């Protein structure tokens, strides 16, 4: 999806709401951002970096730990939303030519590798 807020391509993503499981979060975020209803089928990887911090105006800093999942489409129609100005399916070669959010490049490479064991990075 191409984000409305920064004009970069990325995977559907977002934070957990209180009371949600990881699977529920994936299903909700993908539907909110793409219109697709998915079933989580596996874990691609776990990602963190001490160099990637979220800084808030009050001075607080947080390090993000992100999980990337493989999913299958169960229902829904691919559509744009207020968060995604463009959506689509792309090959590895097509994705390599796109302006992708820096912290999603490694996740996409890992997903395209179809590894048997989740990556921990």
Protein backbone atom coordinates (compact mmCIF):
# COMPACT_ATOMS: atom_id res chain seq x y z
CA UNK A 1 0.00 0.00 0.00
CA UNK A 2 1.10 3.56 -0.62
CA UNK A 3 0.68 5.59 2.54
CA UNK A 4 -1.37 8.78 2.47
CA UNK A 5 0.78 10.46 5.14
CA UNK A 6 4.26 10.09 3.59
CA UNK A 7 3.74 8.87 -0.01
CA UNK A 8 5.91 5.76 0.53
CA UNK A 9 4.95 2.16 -0.16
CA UNK A 10 4.79 -0.27 2.75
CA UNK A 11 3.10 -3.38 4.05
CA UNK A 12 -0.21 -2.90 5.88
CA UNK A 13 0.73 -2.11 9.48
CA UNK A 14 -0.33 -0.57 12.75
CA UNK A 15 -0.45 -0.89 16.49
CA UNK A 16 -2.43 -3.18 18.72
CA UNK A 17 -5.57 -1.93 20.40
CA UNK A 18 -6.08 -2.82 24.07
CA UNK A 19 -7.60 -6.27 24.43
CA UNK A 20 -6.53 -7.50 20.97
CA UNK A 21 -4.46 -10.53 20.15
CA UNK A 22 -1.69 -10.28 17.56
CA UNK A 23 -3.84 -12.17 15.06
CA UNK A 24 -6.82 -9.88 15.67
CA UNK A 25 -4.58 -6.86 15.10
CA UNK A 26 -3.33 -8.20 11.76
CA UNK A 27 -6.85 -8.94 10.56
CA UNK A 28 -8.15 -5.51 11.63
CA UNK A 29 -5.24 -3.50 10.23
CA UNK A 30 -5.24 -5.25 6.85
CA UNK A 31 -8.99 -4.78 6.48
CA UNK A 32 -8.86 -1.11 7.57
CA UNK A 33 -6.03 -0.29 5.18
CA UNK A 34 -6.82 -2.47 2.14
CA UNK A 35 -10.38 -3.79 2.38
CA UNK A 36 -9.15 -7.39 2.45
CA UNK A 37 -10.11 -9.95 5.08
CA UNK A 38 -7.18 -12.23 5.80
CA UNK A 39 -6.25 -15.30 7.78
CA UNK A 40 -2.79 -15.31 9.39
CA UNK A 41 -0.86 -18.39 8.22
CA UNK A 42 2.63 -17.78 9.55
CA UNK A 43 5.27 -15.50 11.00
CA UNK A 44 7.76 -14.01 8.53
CA UNK A 45 9.88 -12.38 11.21
CA UNK A 46 10.43 -10.20 14.25
CA UNK A 47 12.17 -6.87 13.68
CA UNK A 48 13.80 -4.35 15.99
CA UNK A 49 16.64 -1.87 15.82
CA UNK A 50 18.16 0.38 18.45
CA UNK A 51 18.58 2.91 15.63
CA UNK A 52 14.85 3.17 14.95
CA UNK A 53 13.20 5.14 17.74
CA UNK A 54 9.87 6.91 17.94
CA UNK A 55 10.30 10.31 19.55
CA UNK A 56 7.32 12.12 21.02
CA UNK A 57 7.02 15.87 21.55
CA UNK A 58 7.25 15.40 25.34
CA UNK A 59 10.74 13.88 24.94
CA UNK A 60 9.78 10.27 25.51
CA UNK A 61 11.46 7.78 23.16
CA UNK A 62 10.34 4.25 22.38
CA UNK A 63 12.00 1.45 20.48
CA UNK A 64 9.61 -0.44 18.25
CA UNK A 65 9.45 -4.21 17.96
CA UNK A 66 7.56 -5.20 14.82
CA UNK A 67 6.15 -8.54 13.75
CA UNK A 68 5.60 -9.40 10.09
CA UNK A 69 3.11 -12.10 9.16
CA UNK A 70 2.20 -14.15 6.12
CA UNK A 71 -1.53 -14.17 5.45
CA UNK A 72 -4.00 -15.57 2.95
CA UNK A 73 -6.88 -13.57 1.55
CA UNK A 74 -10.25 -14.94 2.63
CA UNK A 75 -12.62 -12.23 1.37
CA UNK A 76 -12.99 -8.56 0.62
CA UNK A 77 -12.16 -6.25 -2.24
CA UNK A 78 -8.79 -4.51 -2.61
CA UNK A 79 -9.49 -0.78 -2.26
CA UNK A 80 -7.88 2.50 -1.32
CA UNK A 81 -8.64 4.05 2.06
CA UNK A 82 -7.89 7.23 3.99
CA UNK A 83 -4.59 5.58 5.01
CA UNK A 84 -3.69 4.02 1.65
CA UNK A 85 -3.87 6.14 -1.51
CA UNK A 86 -2.88 3.19 -3.70
CA UNK A 87 -2.89 -0.57 -3.17
CA UNK A 88 -1.86 -3.55 -5.23
CA UNK A 89 -0.05 -6.83 -5.62
CA UNK A 90 3.56 -6.72 -6.78
CA UNK A 91 6.32 -9.10 -7.73
CA UNK A 92 9.68 -8.93 -6.01
CA UNK A 93 11.11 -7.18 -9.07
CA UNK A 94 8.31 -4.61 -9.16
CA UNK A 95 8.65 -3.93 -5.43
CA UNK A 96 12.41 -3.40 -5.78
CA UNK A 97 11.74 -0.45 -8.09
CA UNK A 98 9.31 1.28 -5.69
CA UNK A 99 9.95 3.86 -2.99
CA UNK A 100 9.39 1.64 0.04
CA UNK A 101 9.61 2.73 3.67
CA UNK A 102 13.14 1.89 4.81
CA UNK A 103 12.06 -0.33 7.70
CA UNK A 104 9.86 -2.42 5.38
CA UNK A 105 12.50 -3.29 2.77
CA UNK A 106 14.06 -6.05 4.89
CA UNK A 107 10.61 -7.45 5.75
CA UNK A 108 9.67 -7.65 2.08
CA UNK A 109 12.97 -9.37 1.21
CA UNK A 110 12.35 -11.88 3.99
CA UNK A 111 8.76 -12.48 2.85
CA UNK A 112 9.84 -13.03 -0.76
CA UNK A 113 12.48 -15.54 0.41
CA UNK A 114 9.71 -17.91 1.61
CA UNK A 115 11.88 -19.13 4.50
CA UNK A 116 10.78 -22.05 6.63
CA UNK A 117 11.83 -20.42 9.91
CA UNK A 118 10.88 -16.90 11.00
CA UNK A 119 13.65 -14.30 10.83
CA UNK A 120 14.70 -12.54 14.04
CA UNK A 121 16.37 -9.25 13.24
